[in-house]
Structure formats: C-alpha cells, structure tokens
Protein backbone atom coordinates (compact mmCIF):
# COMPACT_ATOMS: atom_id res chain seq x y z
CA MET A 1 -36.71 -21.93 28.75
CA MET A 2 -34.28 -22.13 25.38
CA SER A 3 -31.89 -19.58 25.07
CA ALA A 4 -31.96 -17.55 21.78
CA THR A 5 -28.57 -18.96 20.75
CA ALA A 6 -29.87 -22.66 21.38
CA LEU A 7 -33.05 -21.84 19.15
CA PHE A 8 -31.04 -20.47 16.58
CA LEU A 9 -28.68 -23.60 16.43
CA ILE A 10 -31.97 -25.92 16.56
CA THR A 11 -33.34 -23.83 13.35
CA LEU A 12 -29.89 -24.44 11.59
CA ALA A 13 -28.91 -27.71 12.23
CA PRO A 14 -30.92 -30.11 9.90
CA ALA A 15 -32.32 -33.26 11.83
CA THR A 16 -31.58 -35.46 8.54
CA ALA A 17 -30.17 -34.87 5.35
CA VAL A 18 -31.35 -31.88 3.49
CA GLU A 19 -30.47 -30.37 0.43
CA MET A 20 -28.93 -27.06 0.81
CA ALA A 21 -29.16 -23.87 -1.16
CA LEU A 22 -26.46 -23.26 -3.63
CA PRO A 23 -24.16 -20.27 -3.17
CA THR A 24 -24.91 -17.10 -4.97
CA GLY A 25 -21.51 -15.50 -4.50
CA THR A 26 -17.95 -16.70 -5.03
CA GLU A 27 -17.51 -20.30 -3.79
CA ILE A 28 -14.87 -19.95 -0.81
CA LEU A 29 -15.21 -23.30 0.72
CA GLU A 30 -16.08 -27.10 0.20
CA VAL A 31 -16.78 -29.67 2.93
CA ASN A 32 -16.99 -33.34 1.96
CA GLY A 33 -16.78 -36.80 3.61
CA SER A 34 -18.87 -37.94 6.33
CA ILE A 35 -21.59 -35.30 6.16
CA THR A 36 -25.66 -35.84 5.71
CA SER A 37 -26.34 -32.44 4.27
CA SER A 38 -24.96 -30.94 1.02
CA ASN A 39 -25.93 -28.99 -2.09
CA ALA A 40 -23.55 -30.49 -4.68
CA ASP A 41 -23.18 -34.10 -5.18
CA GLY A 42 -22.41 -35.32 -1.59
CA LYS A 43 -20.47 -32.24 -0.85
CA ALA A 44 -21.20 -28.62 0.60
CA ILE A 45 -20.18 -25.75 -1.20
CA PHE A 46 -20.21 -22.25 0.79
CA ASP A 47 -19.70 -18.59 -0.29
CA LEU A 48 -19.08 -16.29 2.28
CA GLU A 49 -22.78 -14.85 2.82
CA MET A 50 -23.73 -18.54 3.73
CA LEU A 51 -20.82 -18.89 6.28
CA ASP A 52 -21.95 -15.45 7.86
CA THR A 53 -25.39 -17.12 8.47
CA LEU A 54 -23.85 -19.65 10.74
CA PRO A 55 -22.81 -19.00 14.47
CA GLN A 56 -19.92 -16.52 14.76
CA ARG A 57 -17.07 -15.88 17.17
CA VAL A 58 -14.17 -13.19 17.60
CA THR A 59 -10.92 -14.00 18.86
CA LYS A 60 -8.79 -11.52 19.99
CA ALA A 61 -5.09 -12.66 20.18
CA ILE A 62 -1.49 -12.32 19.46
CA THR A 63 -0.44 -14.80 16.82
CA PRO A 64 3.00 -15.67 14.97
CA TRP A 65 1.29 -14.77 11.87
CA TYR A 66 0.72 -11.01 12.40
CA THR A 67 2.31 -8.03 14.23
CA GLY A 68 0.48 -7.21 17.67
CA GLU A 69 -2.79 -8.24 18.73
CA ARG A 70 -5.55 -8.84 16.04
CA GLU A 71 -9.25 -9.40 15.93
CA PHE A 72 -10.28 -12.51 14.22
CA SER A 73 -13.74 -13.40 13.20
CA GLY A 74 -15.48 -16.07 11.66
CA VAL A 75 -17.81 -19.27 11.85
CA ILE A 76 -17.50 -21.59 14.67
CA ILE A 77 -16.09 -24.76 13.05
CA SER A 78 -18.11 -27.22 15.50
CA ASP A 79 -21.19 -25.28 14.61
CA LEU A 80 -20.39 -25.72 10.77
CA LEU A 81 -19.80 -29.20 11.28
CA GLU A 82 -23.16 -29.92 13.26
CA TYR A 83 -25.22 -27.98 10.65
CA LEU A 84 -23.67 -30.46 8.06
CA GLY A 85 -24.58 -33.58 10.18
CA ALA A 86 -20.87 -34.28 10.21
CA SER A 87 -19.62 -37.61 11.98
CA GLY A 88 -16.31 -39.01 12.34
CA ASP A 89 -12.96 -38.84 14.32
CA ASN A 90 -10.86 -36.29 12.49
CA VAL A 91 -11.32 -33.32 10.28
CA THR A 92 -8.65 -32.53 7.56
CA PHE A 93 -8.31 -28.88 6.41
CA THR A 94 -6.50 -28.36 2.93
CA ALA A 95 -5.08 -25.06 1.86
CA LEU A 96 -5.11 -23.51 -1.71
CA ASN A 97 -1.64 -24.78 -2.09
CA ASP A 98 -2.55 -28.48 -0.93
CA TYR A 99 -0.81 -28.05 2.67
CA ALA A 100 -3.27 -29.86 4.99
CA ALA A 101 -3.54 -30.54 8.80
CA GLU A 102 -5.87 -32.98 10.52
CA ILE A 103 -7.77 -31.88 13.66
CA PRO A 104 -9.51 -34.31 15.99
CA MET A 105 -13.32 -34.08 16.09
CA GLU A 106 -12.95 -33.96 19.96
CA GLU A 107 -10.86 -30.82 19.97
CA LEU A 108 -13.41 -29.11 17.26
CA GLU A 109 -16.32 -29.91 19.57
CA ASN A 110 -14.51 -28.75 22.81
CA LEU A 111 -12.98 -25.70 21.71
CA PRO A 112 -14.42 -22.70 19.80
CA ILE A 113 -12.14 -22.90 17.05
CA ILE A 114 -13.18 -20.60 13.99
CA LEU A 115 -12.93 -20.61 10.39
CA ALA A 116 -11.94 -16.89 10.13
CA THR A 117 -13.10 -14.89 7.35
CA ARG A 118 -12.11 -11.76 8.69
CA VAL A 119 -9.23 -9.79 10.46
CA ASP A 120 -9.62 -6.62 12.33
CA GLY A 121 -13.14 -6.57 10.43
CA GLN A 122 -11.77 -6.74 6.80
CA GLU A 123 -12.50 -9.96 4.76
CA LEU A 124 -9.29 -12.10 4.59
CA SER A 125 -7.86 -12.07 0.89
CA VAL A 126 -5.76 -14.77 -0.67
CA ARG A 127 -2.85 -12.56 -0.36
CA ASP A 128 -3.57 -12.33 3.33
CA LYS A 129 -4.06 -15.87 4.49
CA GLY A 130 -7.63 -16.01 3.19
CA PRO A 131 -10.10 -16.60 2.32
CA LEU A 132 -10.57 -18.57 5.33
CA PHE A 133 -8.01 -19.48 8.30
CA VAL A 134 -8.23 -21.94 11.11
CA ILE A 135 -7.76 -19.94 14.26
CA TYR A 136 -7.59 -21.35 18.02
CA PRO A 137 -9.13 -19.64 20.88
CA PHE A 138 -5.71 -18.47 21.78
CA ASP A 139 -7.50 -15.77 23.72
CA LEU A 140 -9.12 -18.42 26.21
CA ASP A 141 -6.01 -20.74 26.67
CA SER A 142 -2.24 -19.40 26.34
CA ALA A 143 -1.52 -23.38 26.46
CA LEU A 144 -2.71 -23.34 22.87
CA TYR A 145 0.25 -21.34 21.84
CA ASN A 146 2.36 -23.99 20.76
CA GLU A 147 3.98 -25.58 17.54
CA VAL A 148 1.28 -28.41 17.41
CA ILE A 149 -1.39 -25.99 17.37
CA PHE A 150 0.43 -23.68 14.92
CA GLY A 151 0.65 -26.32 12.41
CA ARG A 152 -3.06 -27.15 12.64
CA SER A 153 -3.82 -23.34 11.87
CA VAL A 154 -4.35 -23.69 8.28
CA TRP A 155 -4.60 -20.54 6.43
CA GLN A 156 -5.97 -20.12 2.62
CA VAL A 157 -8.40 -23.06 3.48
CA ALA A 158 -9.99 -24.34 0.60
CA SER A 159 -11.52 -27.47 1.51
CA VAL A 160 -12.72 -29.54 4.45
CA THR A 161 -12.77 -33.47 4.74
CA VAL A 162 -14.74 -34.96 7.61
CA HIS A 163 -13.57 -38.71 8.15
C-alpha cells in the first residue's frame, strides 16, 4: 500500500516534460538549466502559492543569522527538483545581490534541505533574508553547523540553476 506522501509526490512529479501553469502572484523564484518541466522558455517561474503546493518541511534550529531558536519552513529542495525533472551534478543558488553558492545534487537528494519561505510562521521579506533562504536540517545533524554549510545557506535566493 502506498503512503499518502508517496501518492502526493507521484501526483506532483511529471513523468515527462510538461508545461506548468504561470504564476498568478509575485514571481519569487526562477529555476533554469537541466530541467524537463517549465512554464517560460525552458525555465520554471514560481510564486509563493506555487511553492506552497509542494512538499514542505519545518526546521527548528539555532543559526548564526538569527538570535535564539527559530522555526524555518518551506519547500524541500529535492522535491522541487524532482517535480521539475531536474538532472545534473550540482545546483547553484543565486541571491538578489548575485552572491551564489553551489550545492552538490547528491547532498540535496540525501538531506531534507529547504528553500525557506517563512521564519516563525511569517513570510520572509527581502529585508529579512527573503523571499527565499536555503536552510539545512541543522535540527537533524549538528555536524552541519560549520562554515562550508553556512556558505551554502544562501539568503535572498532569486534563481536556481541545475547543471
């Protein structure tokens, strides 16, 4: 018997390249590169509502970017990439200020890293590291609390490139 989560993922994940609906709200993310599903000239554009329909995770953790423990919530990046039919060895996350960090695809597949849309239940604003923030599962593995991972934890994410 298939779990509800597995059934949900099968429902979301396109088997072949499909055209996605266009965002109706403010566009907050562009995904390009080696993906098979798109909604705009070979790239996928998302608004918050579209990201909210994909599998989510909550990470409660102390981070170097906020005071005290915070609750980060957002889409699980591996599920987003699977939904888009992404394939490649690395994924580059680029911020509004052009800061970029590359994360190995294997790491994204093996850890429930999220693209946080909210902190403590409030939507992330550009002034507060939003609209999207790469958050590792610090709550599951304290070894992730290191400078390499902090450098990959891009905030103000605007685009993602799969290569």
